[in-house]
């Protein structure tokens, strides 16, 4: 057993330079390779994180602009519908006014025509009365002349 321990001590003694070389390699790689690699990965993460945040902010601004656009479009549509409704009401009012004017004009025309017809009828009646007296006189004369003759 002592020989085994002695052999093990010899192996360990020969492994010390290799162990020191591995430890030295570890610190060298850590300082020269893994440290800069860690810094590059950290910068890359920060850059992608910043780009992601910028993209999210841009998407939020775009969503806000879209909402503003939709609201403005809705207001414009409402204004347009309001103007159309106002124009329709004005058109209906104008139509009602024109119909009323036409009704009043036709009533006045009918009333004037009725008065004119009544006046013509009265004139015709007077003329007929005057003529009927003349015709009766002529008939009387003819009848009297016919008996006398």
Protein backbone atom coordinates (compact mmCIF):
# COMPACT_ATOMS: atom_id res chain seq x y z
CA UNK A 1 0.00 0.00 0.00
CA UNK A 2 2.82 2.26 0.69
CA UNK A 3 4.11 1.66 -2.78
CA UNK A 4 0.76 2.67 -4.19
CA UNK A 5 0.77 5.88 -2.19
CA UNK A 6 4.30 6.59 -3.21
CA UNK A 7 3.40 5.95 -6.88
CA UNK A 8 0.36 8.18 -6.47
CA UNK A 9 2.56 10.91 -4.98
CA UNK A 10 4.88 10.63 -7.99
CA UNK A 11 1.96 10.91 -10.40
CA UNK A 12 0.63 13.95 -8.58
CA UNK A 13 4.08 15.52 -8.58
CA UNK A 14 4.32 15.03 -12.35
CA UNK A 15 0.76 16.42 -12.78
CA UNK A 16 1.54 19.72 -11.02
CA UNK A 17 3.04 21.40 -14.14
CA UNK A 18 0.08 20.26 -16.20
CA UNK A 19 -2.30 21.54 -13.53
CA UNK A 20 -0.48 24.88 -13.41
CA UNK A 21 -0.56 25.03 -17.20
CA UNK A 22 -4.35 24.32 -17.21
CA UNK A 23 -4.97 26.99 -14.55
CA UNK A 24 -2.79 29.44 -16.44
CA UNK A 25 -4.62 28.58 -19.67
CA UNK A 26 -7.94 29.10 -17.88
CA UNK A 27 -7.06 32.63 -16.77
CA UNK A 28 -5.48 33.44 -20.13
CA UNK A 29 -8.58 32.28 -22.05
CA UNK A 30 -10.84 34.05 -19.58
CA UNK A 31 -8.96 37.33 -20.02
CA UNK A 32 -8.26 37.10 -23.76
CA UNK A 33 -11.21 35.18 -25.21
CA UNK A 34 -14.18 34.81 -22.89
CA UNK A 35 -14.03 38.36 -21.45
CA UNK A 36 -14.17 40.11 -24.86
CA UNK A 37 -16.70 37.53 -26.07
CA UNK A 38 -18.85 38.29 -23.04
CA UNK A 39 -18.56 42.04 -23.73
CA UNK A 40 -19.50 41.55 -27.41
CA UNK A 41 -22.49 39.39 -26.44
CA UNK A 42 -23.54 41.99 -23.87
CA UNK A 43 -23.28 44.81 -26.44
CA UNK A 44 -25.17 42.71 -28.96
CA UNK A 45 -27.88 42.00 -26.41
CA UNK A 46 -28.12 45.70 -25.56
CA UNK A 47 -28.27 46.59 -29.26
CA UNK A 48 -31.01 44.06 -29.99
CA UNK A 49 -32.85 45.08 -26.85
CA UNK A 50 -32.63 48.73 -27.96
CA UNK A 51 -33.73 47.82 -31.48
CA UNK A 52 -36.61 45.78 -30.07
CA UNK A 53 -37.64 48.67 -27.81
CA UNK A 54 -37.35 51.08 -30.76
CA UNK A 55 -39.48 48.75 -32.89
CA UNK A 56 -42.07 48.49 -30.12
CA UNK A 57 -42.10 52.28 -29.73
CA UNK A 58 -42.43 52.67 -33.49
CA UNK A 59 -45.29 50.16 -33.56
CA UNK A 60 -46.99 52.05 -30.71
CA UNK A 61 -46.58 55.36 -32.56
CA UNK A 62 -47.97 53.74 -35.70
CA UNK A 63 -50.94 52.40 -33.71
CA UNK A 64 -51.50 55.86 -32.22
CA UNK A 65 -51.31 57.47 -35.68
CA UNK A 66 -53.74 54.85 -37.00
CA UNK A 67 -56.14 55.59 -34.16
CA UNK A 68 -55.84 59.34 -34.85
CA UNK A 69 -56.42 58.72 -38.55
CA UNK A 70 -59.48 56.56 -37.83
CA UNK A 71 -60.86 59.21 -35.46
CA UNK A 72 -60.27 61.96 -38.04
CA UNK A 73 -61.88 59.80 -40.71
CA UNK A 74 -64.87 59.16 -38.45
CA UNK A 75 -65.19 62.90 -37.74
CA UNK A 76 -64.97 63.68 -41.47
CA UNK A 77 -67.64 61.08 -42.24
CA UNK A 78 -69.89 62.48 -39.51
CA UNK A 79 -69.37 66.01 -40.86
CA UNK A 80 -70.10 64.83 -44.39
CA UNK A 81 -73.27 63.04 -43.28
CA UNK A 82 -74.29 66.16 -41.35
CA UNK A 83 -73.74 68.34 -44.43
CA UNK A 84 -75.67 65.88 -46.61
CA UNK A 85 -78.54 65.83 -44.12
CA UNK A 86 -78.52 69.64 -43.98
CA UNK A 87 -78.54 69.84 -47.79
CA UNK A 88 -81.39 67.31 -47.91
CA UNK A 89 -83.39 69.32 -45.36
CA UNK A 90 -82.72 72.51 -47.32
CA UNK A 91 -83.79 70.80 -50.55
CA UNK A 92 -86.97 69.53 -48.88
CA UNK A 93 -87.69 73.01 -47.51
CA UNK A 94 -87.12 74.52 -50.96
CA UNK A 95 -89.39 71.91 -52.51
CA UNK A 96 -92.08 72.61 -49.91
CA UNK A 97 -91.72 76.36 -50.52
CA UNK A 98 -91.95 75.90 -54.30
CA UNK A 99 -95.00 73.66 -53.92
CA UNK A 100 -96.63 76.22 -51.64
CA UNK A 101 -95.83 79.03 -54.08
CA UNK A 102 -97.24 76.95 -56.95
CA UNK A 103 -100.37 76.19 -54.90
CA UNK A 104 -100.84 79.87 -54.03
CA UNK A 105 -100.19 80.88 -57.65
CA UNK A 106 -102.65 78.29 -58.98
CA UNK A 107 -105.22 79.39 -56.39
CA UNK A 108 -104.74 83.03 -57.41
CA UNK A 109 -104.89 82.08 -61.10
CA UNK A 110 -108.02 79.99 -60.52
CA UNK A 111 -109.59 82.81 -58.52
CA UNK A 112 -108.68 85.36 -61.24
CA UNK A 113 -109.97 83.02 -63.96
CA UNK A 114 -113.19 82.46 -62.00
CA UNK A 115 -113.64 86.24 -61.64
CA UNK A 116 -112.89 86.73 -65.32
CA UNK A 117 -115.34 83.98 -66.30
CA UNK A 118 -118.01 85.46 -64.03
CA UNK A 119 -117.40 88.90 -65.52
CA UNK A 120 -117.56 87.47 -69.04
CA UNK A 121 -120.71 85.56 -68.13
CA UNK A 122 -122.29 88.72 -66.72
CA UNK A 123 -121.32 90.65 -69.87
CA UNK A 124 -122.62 87.85 -72.06
CA UNK A 125 -125.84 87.77 -70.05
CA UNK A 126 -126.33 91.54 -70.45
CA UNK A 127 -125.55 91.24 -74.14
CA UNK A 128 -128.00 88.36 -74.48
CA UNK A 129 -130.65 90.29 -72.57
CA UNK A 130 -130.12 93.25 -74.87
CA UNK A 131 -130.15 91.07 -77.92
CA UNK A 132 -133.15 89.10 -76.72
CA UNK A 133 -135.15 92.32 -76.52
CA UNK A 134 -134.11 93.16 -80.10
CA UNK A 135 -134.86 89.62 -81.33
CA UNK A 136 -138.28 89.71 -79.60
CA UNK A 137 -139.00 93.03 -81.23
CA UNK A 138 -137.95 91.68 -84.63
CA UNK A 139 -140.09 88.56 -84.16
CA UNK A 140 -143.03 90.73 -83.09
CA UNK A 141 -142.62 92.93 -86.11
CA UNK A 142 -142.36 89.97 -88.43
CA UNK A 143 -145.42 88.37 -86.93
CA UNK A 144 -147.34 91.62 -87.14
CA UNK A 145 -146.22 92.23 -90.69
CA UNK A 146 -147.13 88.66 -91.58
CA UNK A 147 -150.75 89.24 -90.37
CA UNK A 148 -151.00 92.52 -91.97
CA UNK A 149 -149.84 91.31 -95.24
